[in-house]
Amino acid sequence: MLEWWWIVGFALLSLMLTAVLRRYALARSLMDVPNARSSHSVPTPRGGGVAIVVAFLLATACLGATGRLSADLLMAITGAGGLVAVIGFMDDHGHIAARWRLLGHFLAAVWALVWLGGLAPLDLFGWRVDLGLFGSVLAAFYLVWMLNLYNFMDGIDGIASVEAVSVCVGACLVHTFAGAGEQVLAPALLAAAVAGFLYWNFPPARIFMGDAGSGFLGLVLGVLSLQAGWLLPNLFWAWLILLGVFVVDATVTLLRRLLRGEKVYEAHRSHAYQYASRRYGRHLPVTLAVLAINMVWLMPWALAVSVGWLDGVSGILIAYLPLVLLAMKFHAGKAERP
């Protein structure tokens, strides 16, 4: 019962902090002003994701103090997530050169991996494979990609918040069915922290998340997925399936832009979700479609993998294939018309 009160309490904390941050942003004129690369048309306050950061870090501190969260995971989340949030906050209030942001992101990834113990051994078609140091390098790039792709995908009202909440809810179910139900509090409290912010961010958004929130979310989701692999190897694959919408759209878009020789760090509007929002003329249908895909399509495959009915690689291939086709249908990475 105590855990449910925690979930409600931290959701309310995030809700109230977002209201305070919105007033602060309006007072300081911290506005996201529409431009040619934007997916919105009305100047909107930004930086509300700080509420998610504060609420969730307080939640993890409470979990750690009561012995419900391991010290290693607490240090990984607090140190790496805090660093990414600070970098994002500074970038929201000014500008940090891309190379320095990237350096900070890798430092955060290394910090997290030191406390997690690197990449857990993977189950590949029934074989247990320990990649050792090479696996840790791959895991560092994975974490950096996760936090950056989350930033890339936070481009229309509510999409990044809905993704985080639905992925965390799915992870709670996956952990429970796999016999690791004692580990659901961290994703449950992250979902609560994001849900409080989502009240203000749901289409039409009254405040945006900003880099501090989106980078933090991507990093923490990546850390939780890697930690799940140490609990049960199948859980890492299940997390990757749950994250499929963002992973596929961002990756397909990046690869197509790289093939054209574009500067991938420059702002653009060529993600599949951005083309879809322009096609339908609103953000809401696209955000709700992401929610539906996560709950109706991806969650069942993640559950099948988590309980061993399907191996992880096969599960990802089956779950991702329609997402790749959908991304191509909505022109992910296609060159924008002038």
Protein backbone atom coordinates (compact mmCIF):
# COMPACT_ATOMS: atom_id res chain seq x y z
CA MET A 1 0.00 0.00 0.00
CA LEU A 2 2.85 2.39 0.83
CA GLU A 3 4.19 2.07 -2.73
CA TRP A 4 0.87 3.19 -4.23
CA TRP A 5 0.90 6.30 -2.06
CA TRP A 6 4.44 6.96 -3.22
CA ILE A 7 3.35 6.71 -6.85
CA VAL A 8 0.45 9.13 -6.31
CA GLY A 9 2.58 11.45 -4.20
CA PHE A 10 5.43 11.79 -6.68
CA ALA A 11 2.98 12.23 -9.56
CA LEU A 12 1.41 15.14 -7.67
CA LEU A 13 4.85 16.56 -6.88
CA SER A 14 5.75 16.53 -10.57
CA LEU A 15 2.38 18.10 -11.42
CA MET A 16 2.95 20.99 -8.99
CA LEU A 17 6.61 21.47 -9.93
CA THR A 18 5.65 21.72 -13.60
CA ALA A 19 3.15 24.46 -12.76
CA VAL A 20 5.90 26.37 -10.91
CA LEU A 21 8.35 25.89 -13.79
CA ARG A 22 5.75 27.11 -16.27
CA ARG A 23 5.32 30.34 -14.32
CA TYR A 24 9.11 30.68 -14.09
CA ALA A 25 9.52 30.15 -17.85
CA LEU A 26 6.83 32.72 -18.63
CA ALA A 27 8.40 35.23 -16.24
CA ARG A 28 11.89 34.72 -17.71
CA SER A 29 10.63 34.53 -21.32
CA LEU A 30 12.04 31.03 -21.72
CA MET A 31 9.90 30.33 -24.74
CA ASP A 32 10.17 27.90 -27.61
CA VAL A 33 9.40 30.20 -30.53
CA PRO A 34 8.22 28.47 -33.73
CA ASN A 35 10.57 28.50 -36.70
CA ALA A 36 10.94 26.67 -40.01
CA ARG A 37 12.15 23.53 -38.21
CA SER A 38 9.42 23.48 -35.56
CA SER A 39 6.38 21.21 -35.37
CA HIS A 40 4.32 23.74 -33.39
CA SER A 41 2.86 27.13 -34.28
CA VAL A 42 2.42 28.90 -30.92
CA PRO A 43 5.25 30.18 -28.65
CA THR A 44 5.31 27.81 -25.67
CA PRO A 45 7.27 27.78 -22.38
CA ARG A 46 10.03 25.18 -22.21
CA GLY A 47 12.05 23.45 -19.51
CA GLY A 48 9.21 21.64 -17.74
CA GLY A 49 11.13 18.37 -17.82
CA VAL A 50 13.08 19.57 -14.79
CA ALA A 51 9.99 18.59 -12.77
CA ILE A 52 10.44 14.99 -13.94
CA VAL A 53 14.11 15.05 -12.98
CA VAL A 54 13.52 16.44 -9.49
CA ALA A 55 10.53 14.22 -8.72
CA PHE A 56 12.19 11.01 -9.90
CA LEU A 57 15.55 11.68 -8.25
CA LEU A 58 13.73 12.34 -4.97
CA ALA A 59 11.79 9.12 -5.50
CA THR A 60 14.95 7.09 -6.09
CA ALA A 61 16.54 8.63 -3.00
CA CYS A 62 13.54 7.48 -0.96
CA LEU A 63 13.78 4.01 -2.50
CA GLY A 64 17.47 3.84 -1.69
CA ALA A 65 16.97 5.05 1.89
CA THR A 66 14.35 2.36 2.53
CA GLY A 67 16.34 -0.42 0.89
CA ARG A 68 13.97 -0.80 -2.07
CA LEU A 69 16.60 0.23 -4.62
CA SER A 70 20.14 -1.11 -4.78
CA ALA A 71 22.95 1.34 -4.05
CA ASP A 72 24.53 0.57 -7.43
CA LEU A 73 21.40 1.44 -9.41
CA LEU A 74 20.82 4.51 -7.24
CA MET A 75 24.35 5.78 -7.98
CA ALA A 76 24.01 5.01 -11.69
CA ILE A 77 20.73 6.90 -12.03
CA THR A 78 21.62 9.81 -9.77
CA GLY A 79 25.10 10.46 -11.14
CA ALA A 80 24.51 9.84 -14.84
CA GLY A 81 20.96 11.20 -14.93
CA GLY A 82 21.92 14.26 -12.92
CA LEU A 83 24.82 15.08 -15.24
CA VAL A 84 22.69 14.72 -18.37
CA ALA A 85 19.94 16.86 -16.83
CA VAL A 86 22.43 19.62 -15.92
CA ILE A 87 23.87 19.62 -19.45
CA GLY A 88 20.36 19.79 -20.89
CA PHE A 89 19.34 22.56 -18.48
CA MET A 90 22.36 24.64 -19.47
CA ASP A 91 21.61 24.06 -23.15
CA ASP A 92 17.96 25.05 -22.61
CA HIS A 93 19.12 28.36 -21.09
CA GLY A 94 21.86 29.10 -23.60
CA HIS A 95 23.88 26.94 -25.92
CA ILE A 96 26.55 24.27 -25.45
CA ALA A 97 28.61 23.17 -28.45
CA ALA A 98 27.66 19.73 -29.72
CA ARG A 99 31.12 18.26 -29.01
CA TRP A 100 30.96 19.26 -25.34
CA ARG A 101 27.43 17.93 -24.97
CA LEU A 102 28.54 14.63 -26.49
CA LEU A 103 31.57 14.43 -24.19
CA GLY A 104 29.29 14.97 -21.19
CA HIS A 105 26.91 12.30 -22.46
CA PHE A 106 29.70 9.73 -22.75
CA LEU A 107 30.98 10.60 -19.28
CA ALA A 108 27.47 10.02 -17.94
CA ALA A 109 27.25 6.69 -19.78
CA VAL A 110 30.61 5.53 -18.41
CA TRP A 111 29.59 6.52 -14.88
CA ALA A 112 26.37 4.52 -15.16
CA LEU A 113 28.13 1.45 -16.58
CA VAL A 114 30.75 1.44 -13.83
CA TRP A 115 27.98 1.10 -11.25
CA LEU A 116 25.89 -1.32 -13.32
CA GLY A 117 28.86 -3.58 -14.07
CA GLY A 118 28.74 -3.09 -17.83
CA LEU A 119 26.55 -5.04 -20.22
CA ALA A 120 25.03 -8.23 -18.82
CA PRO A 121 25.56 -11.51 -20.75
CA LEU A 122 23.06 -11.77 -23.58
CA ASP A 123 20.92 -14.71 -24.66
CA LEU A 124 21.24 -15.12 -28.43
CA PHE A 125 19.10 -17.92 -29.90
CA GLY A 126 19.60 -20.02 -26.78
CA TRP A 127 23.31 -19.24 -26.35
CA ARG A 128 24.58 -17.17 -23.41
CA VAL A 129 27.15 -14.67 -24.73
CA ASP A 130 29.34 -12.47 -22.51
CA LEU A 131 30.85 -9.66 -24.60
CA GLY A 132 33.08 -8.40 -21.77
CA LEU A 133 34.79 -5.07 -22.40
CA PHE A 134 33.44 -4.88 -25.95
CA GLY A 135 29.95 -5.22 -24.51
CA SER A 136 30.60 -2.28 -22.18
CA VAL A 137 31.70 -0.14 -25.13
CA LEU A 138 28.53 -1.09 -27.00
CA ALA A 139 26.49 -0.30 -23.90
CA ALA A 140 28.08 3.17 -23.65
CA PHE A 141 27.11 3.96 -27.24
CA TYR A 142 23.65 2.52 -26.56
CA LEU A 143 23.11 4.87 -23.61
CA VAL A 144 24.35 7.91 -25.55
CA TRP A 145 22.12 6.98 -28.48
CA MET A 146 19.13 6.48 -26.18
CA LEU A 147 19.43 9.91 -24.57
CA ASN A 148 19.96 11.65 -27.90
CA LEU A 149 17.21 9.81 -29.76
CA TYR A 150 14.82 10.75 -26.97
CA ASN A 151 15.78 14.36 -27.55
CA PHE A 152 15.21 13.92 -31.30
CA MET A 153 11.81 12.30 -30.75
CA ASP A 154 10.56 14.99 -28.35
CA GLY A 155 9.17 17.11 -31.15
CA ILE A 156 5.37 17.15 -30.85
CA ASP A 157 3.01 17.60 -27.92
CA GLY A 158 2.95 14.72 -25.47
CA ILE A 159 4.82 12.15 -27.53
CA ALA A 160 7.91 11.78 -25.31
CA SER A 161 5.80 11.76 -22.14
CA VAL A 162 3.34 9.17 -23.47
CA GLU A 163 6.23 7.02 -24.65
CA ALA A 164 7.90 7.07 -21.23
CA VAL A 165 4.70 6.34 -19.30
CA SER A 166 3.60 3.48 -21.56
CA VAL A 167 7.08 1.94 -21.71
CA CYS A 168 7.37 2.04 -17.91
CA VAL A 169 3.90 0.55 -17.43
CA GLY A 170 4.82 -2.17 -19.91
CA ALA A 171 8.10 -2.76 -18.06
CA CYS A 172 6.23 -3.19 -14.77
CA LEU A 173 4.06 -5.90 -16.35
CA VAL A 174 7.04 -7.53 -18.01
CA HIS A 175 9.01 -7.66 -14.75
CA THR A 176 6.02 -9.03 -12.87
CA PHE A 177 5.28 -11.83 -15.36
CA ALA A 178 8.98 -12.73 -15.53
CA GLY A 179 9.16 -13.20 -11.76
CA ALA A 180 11.05 -9.98 -11.01
CA GLY A 181 8.10 -8.07 -9.58
CA GLU A 182 10.18 -6.70 -6.71
CA GLN A 183 11.99 -4.50 -9.24
CA VAL A 184 8.97 -2.60 -10.58
CA LEU A 185 9.12 0.39 -8.24
CA ALA A 186 11.76 2.32 -10.21
CA PRO A 187 9.88 2.21 -13.56
CA ALA A 188 6.56 2.75 -11.74
CA LEU A 189 7.85 5.90 -10.04
CA LEU A 190 9.38 7.15 -13.29
CA ALA A 191 5.97 6.71 -14.94
CA ALA A 192 4.42 8.66 -12.06
CA ALA A 193 6.92 11.52 -12.37
CA VAL A 194 6.27 11.77 -16.11
CA ALA A 195 2.49 11.48 -15.67
CA GLY A 196 2.44 14.59 -13.50
CA PHE A 197 4.26 16.51 -16.23
CA LEU A 198 2.05 14.99 -18.95
CA TYR A 199 -0.96 16.83 -17.53
CA TRP A 200 0.67 20.05 -18.77
CA ASN A 201 2.27 18.54 -21.88
CA PHE A 202 -0.70 16.67 -23.34
CA PRO A 203 -1.86 18.13 -26.69
CA PRO A 204 -2.21 21.06 -26.90
CA ALA A 205 0.89 21.41 -24.71
CA ARG A 206 1.13 24.28 -22.21
CA ILE A 207 4.84 23.64 -21.58
CA PHE A 208 7.57 21.65 -23.31
CA MET A 209 9.96 19.18 -21.74
CA GLY A 210 13.23 20.71 -22.94
CA ASP A 211 16.59 18.98 -23.28
CA ALA A 212 16.99 18.57 -19.52
CA GLY A 213 13.92 16.34 -19.37
CA SER A 214 14.21 14.47 -22.66
CA GLY A 215 17.90 13.62 -22.25
CA PHE A 216 17.32 12.53 -18.66
CA LEU A 217 14.44 10.28 -19.69
CA GLY A 218 16.40 8.64 -22.50
CA LEU A 219 19.38 8.00 -20.23
CA VAL A 220 17.31 6.61 -17.34
CA LEU A 221 15.26 4.34 -19.59
CA GLY A 222 18.51 3.04 -21.05
CA VAL A 223 19.98 2.45 -17.58
CA LEU A 224 16.85 0.63 -16.40
CA SER A 225 16.90 -1.59 -19.50
CA LEU A 226 20.56 -2.52 -18.92
CA GLN A 227 19.93 -3.20 -15.24
CA ALA A 228 17.00 -5.44 -16.19
CA GLY A 229 19.43 -7.58 -18.20
CA TRP A 230 21.35 -8.33 -15.01
CA LEU A 231 18.13 -9.55 -13.39
CA LEU A 232 17.13 -11.82 -16.28
CA PRO A 233 18.75 -11.79 -19.75
CA ASN A 234 15.37 -11.83 -21.50
CA LEU A 235 14.30 -8.62 -19.76
CA PHE A 236 16.83 -6.51 -21.67
CA TRP A 237 15.35 -7.67 -24.98
CA ALA A 238 11.85 -7.04 -23.62
CA TRP A 239 12.79 -3.43 -22.77
CA LEU A 240 14.19 -2.93 -26.28
CA ILE A 241 10.89 -4.14 -27.73
CA LEU A 242 8.92 -1.73 -25.54
CA LEU A 243 11.14 1.15 -26.73
CA GLY A 244 10.63 0.16 -30.37
CA VAL A 245 8.67 3.17 -31.65
CA PHE A 246 11.35 5.68 -30.69
CA VAL A 247 14.28 3.40 -31.54
CA VAL A 248 12.99 2.59 -35.04
CA ASP A 249 11.87 6.09 -36.03
CA ALA A 250 15.07 7.76 -34.80
CA THR A 251 17.39 5.09 -36.24
CA VAL A 252 15.75 4.91 -39.68
CA THR A 253 15.74 8.71 -39.88
CA LEU A 254 19.39 8.96 -38.86
CA LEU A 255 20.54 6.31 -41.33
CA ARG A 256 18.71 7.88 -44.27
CA ARG A 257 20.09 11.33 -43.44
CA LEU A 258 23.61 9.91 -43.08
CA LEU A 259 23.33 8.24 -46.49
CA ARG A 260 22.49 11.63 -48.02
CA GLY A 261 25.49 13.20 -46.31
CA GLU A 262 23.44 15.57 -44.16
CA LYS A 263 24.68 17.01 -40.87
CA VAL A 264 22.73 14.78 -38.50
CA TYR A 265 23.21 17.10 -35.50
CA GLU A 266 21.30 19.92 -37.19
CA ALA A 267 17.61 20.48 -36.43
CA HIS A 268 15.16 19.02 -38.93
CA ARG A 269 11.56 17.86 -39.30
CA SER A 270 12.07 14.56 -41.12
CA HIS A 271 11.14 12.00 -38.46
CA ALA A 272 8.17 9.80 -39.31
CA TYR A 273 6.14 11.19 -36.42
CA GLN A 274 6.75 14.75 -37.68
CA TYR A 275 5.62 13.90 -41.20
CA ALA A 276 2.58 12.15 -39.70
CA SER A 277 1.63 15.15 -37.55
CA ARG A 278 1.78 17.41 -40.61
CA ARG A 279 -0.29 14.96 -42.66
CA TYR A 280 -3.06 14.85 -40.06
CA GLY A 281 -2.73 18.52 -39.13
CA ARG A 282 -2.63 17.81 -35.39
CA HIS A 283 -0.31 16.28 -32.80
CA LEU A 284 -2.95 14.37 -30.83
CA PRO A 285 -3.64 11.54 -33.33
CA VAL A 286 0.08 10.77 -33.62
CA THR A 287 0.68 10.83 -29.87
CA LEU A 288 -2.31 8.52 -29.29
CA ALA A 289 -1.10 6.22 -32.08
CA VAL A 290 2.24 5.84 -30.26
CA LEU A 291 0.36 4.90 -27.11
CA ALA A 292 -1.75 2.35 -29.00
CA ILE A 293 1.27 0.76 -30.71
CA ASN A 294 3.09 0.43 -27.40
CA MET A 295 0.19 -1.14 -25.55
CA VAL A 296 -1.44 -3.26 -28.25
CA TRP A 297 1.49 -4.35 -30.42
CA LEU A 298 4.79 -4.06 -28.56
CA MET A 299 3.75 -5.05 -25.04
CA PRO A 300 2.49 -8.55 -25.98
CA TRP A 301 5.77 -9.34 -27.77
CA ALA A 302 7.76 -8.01 -24.83
CA LEU A 303 5.75 -10.24 -22.49
CA ALA A 304 6.31 -13.26 -24.76
CA VAL A 305 10.06 -12.67 -24.67
CA SER A 306 10.17 -12.01 -20.93
CA VAL A 307 8.56 -15.35 -20.03
CA GLY A 308 10.66 -17.31 -22.51
CA TRP A 309 8.02 -18.11 -25.11
CA LEU A 310 10.22 -16.42 -27.74
CA ASP A 311 13.91 -15.61 -27.84
CA GLY A 312 14.89 -11.96 -27.66
CA VAL A 313 16.35 -11.45 -31.13
CA SER A 314 13.37 -13.10 -32.83
CA GLY A 315 11.02 -11.02 -30.71
CA ILE A 316 12.74 -7.80 -31.75
CA LEU A 317 12.70 -8.74 -35.44
CA ILE A 318 8.99 -9.56 -35.33
CA ALA A 319 8.07 -6.48 -33.28
CA TYR A 320 10.25 -4.04 -35.23
CA LEU A 321 9.45 -5.08 -38.81
CA PRO A 322 6.01 -3.40 -38.97
CA LEU A 323 7.51 -0.34 -37.27
CA VAL A 324 10.18 -0.06 -39.96
CA LEU A 325 7.51 -0.35 -42.65
CA LEU A 326 5.43 2.29 -40.87
CA ALA A 327 8.44 4.59 -40.60
CA MET A 328 9.08 4.24 -44.33
CA LYS A 329 5.38 4.82 -45.09
CA PHE A 330 5.59 8.13 -43.25
CA HIS A 331 8.88 9.05 -44.97
CA ALA A 332 11.23 8.84 -41.97
CA GLY A 333 14.49 10.56 -42.96
CA LYS A 334 13.20 11.71 -46.35
CA ALA A 335 14.63 15.03 -47.52
CA GLU A 336 12.33 17.91 -46.67
CA ARG A 337 11.02 20.13 -49.41
CA PRO A 338 12.31 23.70 -49.26
